[in-house]
Structures are given as C-alpha cells and as structure tokens.
C-alpha atoms as a PDB file:
ATOM      1  CA  MET A   1     -12.151  20.729 -11.277  1.00  0.00           C
ATOM      2  CA  GLU A   2     -10.800  20.451  -7.707  1.00  0.00           C
ATOM      3  CA  SER A   3     -14.296  20.652  -6.247  1.00  0.00           C
ATOM      4  CA  TYR A   4     -15.374  17.778  -8.509  1.00  0.00           C
ATOM      5  CA  GLU A   5     -12.506  15.672  -7.168  1.00  0.00           C
ATOM      6  CA  LYS A   6     -13.505  16.445  -3.576  1.00  0.00           C
ATOM      7  CA  SER A   7     -17.126  15.619  -4.386  1.00  0.00           C
ATOM      8  CA  ALA A   8     -16.123  12.366  -6.069  1.00  0.00           C
ATOM      9  CA  LYS A   9     -14.486  11.221  -2.810  1.00  0.00           C
ATOM     10  CA  VAL A  10     -17.897  11.216  -1.146  1.00  0.00           C
ATOM     11  CA  PHE A  11     -19.420   9.041  -3.839  1.00  0.00           C
ATOM     12  CA  LYS A  12     -16.368   6.778  -4.000  1.00  0.00           C
ATOM     13  CA  ALA A  13     -16.866   6.119  -0.279  1.00  0.00           C
ATOM     14  CA  LEU A  14     -20.443   5.041  -0.902  1.00  0.00           C
ATOM     15  CA  CYS A  15     -19.967   2.901  -4.010  1.00  0.00           C
ATOM     16  CA  ASP A  16     -18.416  -0.207  -2.448  1.00  0.00           C
ATOM     17  CA  PRO A  17     -20.361  -2.972  -0.659  1.00  0.00           C
ATOM     18  CA  LYS A  18     -17.669  -3.440   2.005  1.00  0.00           C
ATOM     19  CA  ARG A  19     -17.631   0.276   2.808  1.00  0.00           C
ATOM     20  CA  LEU A  20     -21.429   0.304   3.028  1.00  0.00           C
ATOM     21  CA  ALA A  21     -21.231  -2.626   5.465  1.00  0.00           C
ATOM     22  CA  ILE A  22     -18.654  -0.710   7.519  1.00  0.00           C
ATOM     23  CA  LEU A  23     -20.941   2.326   7.608  1.00  0.00           C
ATOM     24  CA  GLU A  24     -23.776   0.085   8.763  1.00  0.00           C
ATOM     25  CA  GLN A  25     -21.607  -1.177  11.644  1.00  0.00           C
ATOM     26  CA  LEU A  26     -20.707   2.390  12.615  1.00  0.00           C
ATOM     27  CA  ARG A  27     -24.363   3.385  12.874  1.00  0.00           C
ATOM     28  CA  SER A  28     -24.460   1.851  16.355  1.00  0.00           C
ATOM     29  CA  GLY A  29     -21.536   3.958  17.542  1.00  0.00           C
ATOM     30  CA  GLU A  30     -17.774   4.248  17.545  1.00  0.00           C
ATOM     31  CA  LYS A  31     -15.874   1.047  16.801  1.00  0.00           C
ATOM     32  CA  CYS A  32     -12.254  -0.019  17.127  1.00  0.00           C
ATOM     33  CA  ALA A  33     -10.597  -1.204  13.925  1.00  0.00           C
ATOM     34  CA  CYS A  34     -10.262  -4.682  15.420  1.00  0.00           C
ATOM     35  CA  VAL A  35     -14.045  -4.851  15.923  1.00  0.00           C
ATOM     36  CA  LEU A  36     -14.717  -3.733  12.338  1.00  0.00           C
ATOM     37  CA  GLN A  37     -12.188  -6.102  10.835  1.00  0.00           C
ATOM     38  CA  GLU A  38     -13.501  -9.396  12.222  1.00  0.00           C
ATOM     39  CA  PRO A  39     -17.035  -9.633  10.757  1.00  0.00           C
ATOM     40  CA  MET A  40     -15.873  -8.144   7.453  1.00  0.00           C
ATOM     41  CA  ASP A  41     -13.328 -10.934   6.906  1.00  0.00           C
ATOM     42  CA  LEU A  42     -10.769  -8.279   5.956  1.00  0.00           C
ATOM     43  CA  THR A  43      -7.054  -8.179   6.554  1.00  0.00           C
ATOM     44  CA  GLN A  44      -5.698  -5.240   8.506  1.00  0.00           C
ATOM     45  CA  SER A  45      -4.396  -3.674   5.286  1.00  0.00           C
ATOM     46  CA  GLY A  46      -7.755  -4.276   3.572  1.00  0.00           C
ATOM     47  CA  LEU A  47      -9.612  -2.536   6.370  1.00  0.00           C
ATOM     48  CA  SER A  48      -7.088   0.315   6.353  1.00  0.00           C
ATOM     49  CA  TYR A  49      -7.659   0.812   2.623  1.00  0.00           C
ATOM     50  CA  HIS A  50     -11.433   1.113   3.057  1.00  0.00           C
ATOM     51  CA  MET A  51     -11.162   3.284   6.162  1.00  0.00           C
ATOM     52  CA  LYS A  52      -8.830   5.720   4.387  1.00  0.00           C
ATOM     53  CA  ILE A  53     -11.415   6.191   1.648  1.00  0.00           C
ATOM     54  CA  LEU A  54     -14.214   6.665   4.186  1.00  0.00           C
ATOM     55  CA  CYS A  55     -12.154   9.134   6.225  1.00  0.00           C
ATOM     56  CA  ASP A  56     -10.990  11.039   3.114  1.00  0.00           C
ATOM     57  CA  SER A  57     -14.643  11.513   2.191  1.00  0.00           C
ATOM     58  CA  GLY A  58     -15.355  13.126   5.568  1.00  0.00           C
ATOM     59  CA  ILE A  59     -18.183  10.692   6.295  1.00  0.00           C
ATOM     60  CA  VAL A  60     -16.091   8.881   8.921  1.00  0.00           C
ATOM     61  CA  VAL A  61     -13.628  10.319  11.422  1.00  0.00           C
ATOM     62  CA  SER A  62     -10.969   8.500  13.387  1.00  0.00           C
ATOM     63  CA  ARG A  63      -9.081   8.888  16.617  1.00  0.00           C
ATOM     64  CA  GLN A  64      -6.027   7.090  17.915  1.00  0.00           C
ATOM     65  CA  GLU A  65      -6.052   5.414  21.328  1.00  0.00           C
ATOM     66  CA  GLY A  66      -2.749   3.702  21.996  1.00  0.00           C
ATOM     67  CA  LYS A  67      -2.053   1.364  19.120  1.00  0.00           C
ATOM     68  CA  TRP A  68      -5.709   1.148  18.094  1.00  0.00           C
ATOM     69  CA  THR A  69      -7.692   3.409  15.805  1.00  0.00           C
ATOM     70  CA  HIS A  70     -11.342   4.056  16.580  1.00  0.00           C
ATOM     71  CA  TYR A  71     -13.816   5.150  13.914  1.00  0.00           C
ATOM     72  CA  ARG A  72     -17.195   6.847  14.055  1.00  0.00           C
ATOM     73  CA  LEU A  73     -19.639   8.474  11.685  1.00  0.00           C
ATOM     74  CA  SER A  74     -19.270  12.217  11.245  1.00  0.00           C
ATOM     75  CA  GLN A  75     -22.493  14.199  11.409  1.00  0.00           C
ATOM     76  CA  ALA A  76     -20.823  17.087   9.567  1.00  0.00           C
ATOM     77  CA  GLY A  77     -19.593  14.685   6.868  1.00  0.00           C
ATOM     78  CA  ARG A  78     -23.047  13.180   6.514  1.00  0.00           C
ATOM     79  CA  ASP A  79     -24.665  16.597   6.242  1.00  0.00           C
ATOM     80  CA  LYS A  80     -22.135  17.617   3.605  1.00  0.00           C
ATOM     81  CA  ALA A  81     -22.773  14.420   1.593  1.00  0.00           C
ATOM     82  CA  VAL A  82     -26.556  14.942   1.710  1.00  0.00           C
ATOM     83  CA  LYS A  83     -26.169  18.588   0.681  1.00  0.00           C
ATOM     84  CA  LEU A  84     -23.887  17.576  -2.190  1.00  0.00           C
ATOM     85  CA  LEU A  85     -26.317  14.935  -3.455  1.00  0.00           C
ATOM     86  CA  LEU A  86     -29.184  17.416  -3.325  1.00  0.00           C
ATOM     87  CA  ALA A  87     -27.135  20.075  -5.119  1.00  0.00           C
ATOM     88  CA  ILE A  88     -26.085  17.876  -8.016  1.00  0.00           C
ATOM     89  CA  THR A  89     -29.507  16.280  -8.511  1.00  0.00           C
ATOM     90  CA  THR A  90     -31.640  19.421  -8.274  1.00  0.00           C
ATOM     91  CA  PRO A  91     -32.393  21.007 -11.646  1.00  0.00           C
ATOM     92  CA  ASP A  92     -31.236  24.590 -12.038  1.00  0.00           C
ATOM     93  CA  ALA A  93     -33.462  26.280 -14.618  1.00  0.00           C
ATOM     94  CA  ASP A  94     -31.342  29.452 -14.503  1.00  0.00           C
ATOM     95  CA  GLN A  95     -28.346  27.583 -15.881  1.00  0.00           C
ATOM     96  CA  ALA A  96     -30.163  25.620 -18.563  1.00  0.00           C
ATOM     97  CA  SER A  97     -28.172  25.857 -21.747  1.00  0.00           C
ATOM     98  CA  GLU A  98     -29.698  26.006 -25.153  1.00  0.00           C
ATOM     99  CA  CYS A  99     -28.788  23.367 -27.680  1.00  0.00           C
ATOM    100  CA  VAL A 100     -26.970  24.981 -30.590  1.00  0.00           C
ATOM    101  CA  LEU A 101     -27.850  22.033 -32.794  1.00  0.00           C
ATOM    102  CA  CYS A 102     -31.601  22.296 -32.135  1.00  0.00           C
ATOM    103  CA  ASP A 103     -32.035  25.919 -33.289  1.00  0.00           C
ATOM    104  CA  LYS A 104     -33.830  26.796 -30.078  1.00  0.00           C
END
C-alpha cells in the first residue's frame, strides 16, 4: 500500500491546473519562488502549498539561496513519473486473473 501512496503523489502533482502551469514555467529553467508567484496570481502560502506537492512528487527539486527558494524540474523525477505511468498502463498478461463468476 505504501508504494501506491508514493505513486499517487506523482499523479496528485499533475492533476491541478496551477501546478501544470508552474511546471510549464519551469521548463525554461530554474525559477525563484518570487518569479513563479507573480504570473500565477498566487499568495506566498498558495505557491508554497503547490510547490510542496510538486517537490514531494519528486518532479521538482528546490534549493535555498538566502531567503529565497529556487525550483527546477528534476530529470530523475520526470523519468520516474514516465516509468510509473508506463508500468501501470501496460497490460500484464502473466497476472491476468480469471473471473470466478464467469466460469472461465
């Protein structure tokens, strides 16, 4: 069950329009929180909420520089998310279960 919870964090990060817009901004490189906040029309606490979810998923990483936090996309996090999506959407004929109600 723990692995399902970890996997769900990846999809939670991707299921919100504001987080998708943040990811789009990060595609052009590392950004300071102040730069991300302005075009998103988010409060500092609102941005922090979304960034925590993105960082918890592993898709985004952060670093502290003085009082500012800088965020960037994580290649390892992206690769893990792609691998996860492929794994859960690829049929596995070896694990197909028979329906006990169908008499098959």
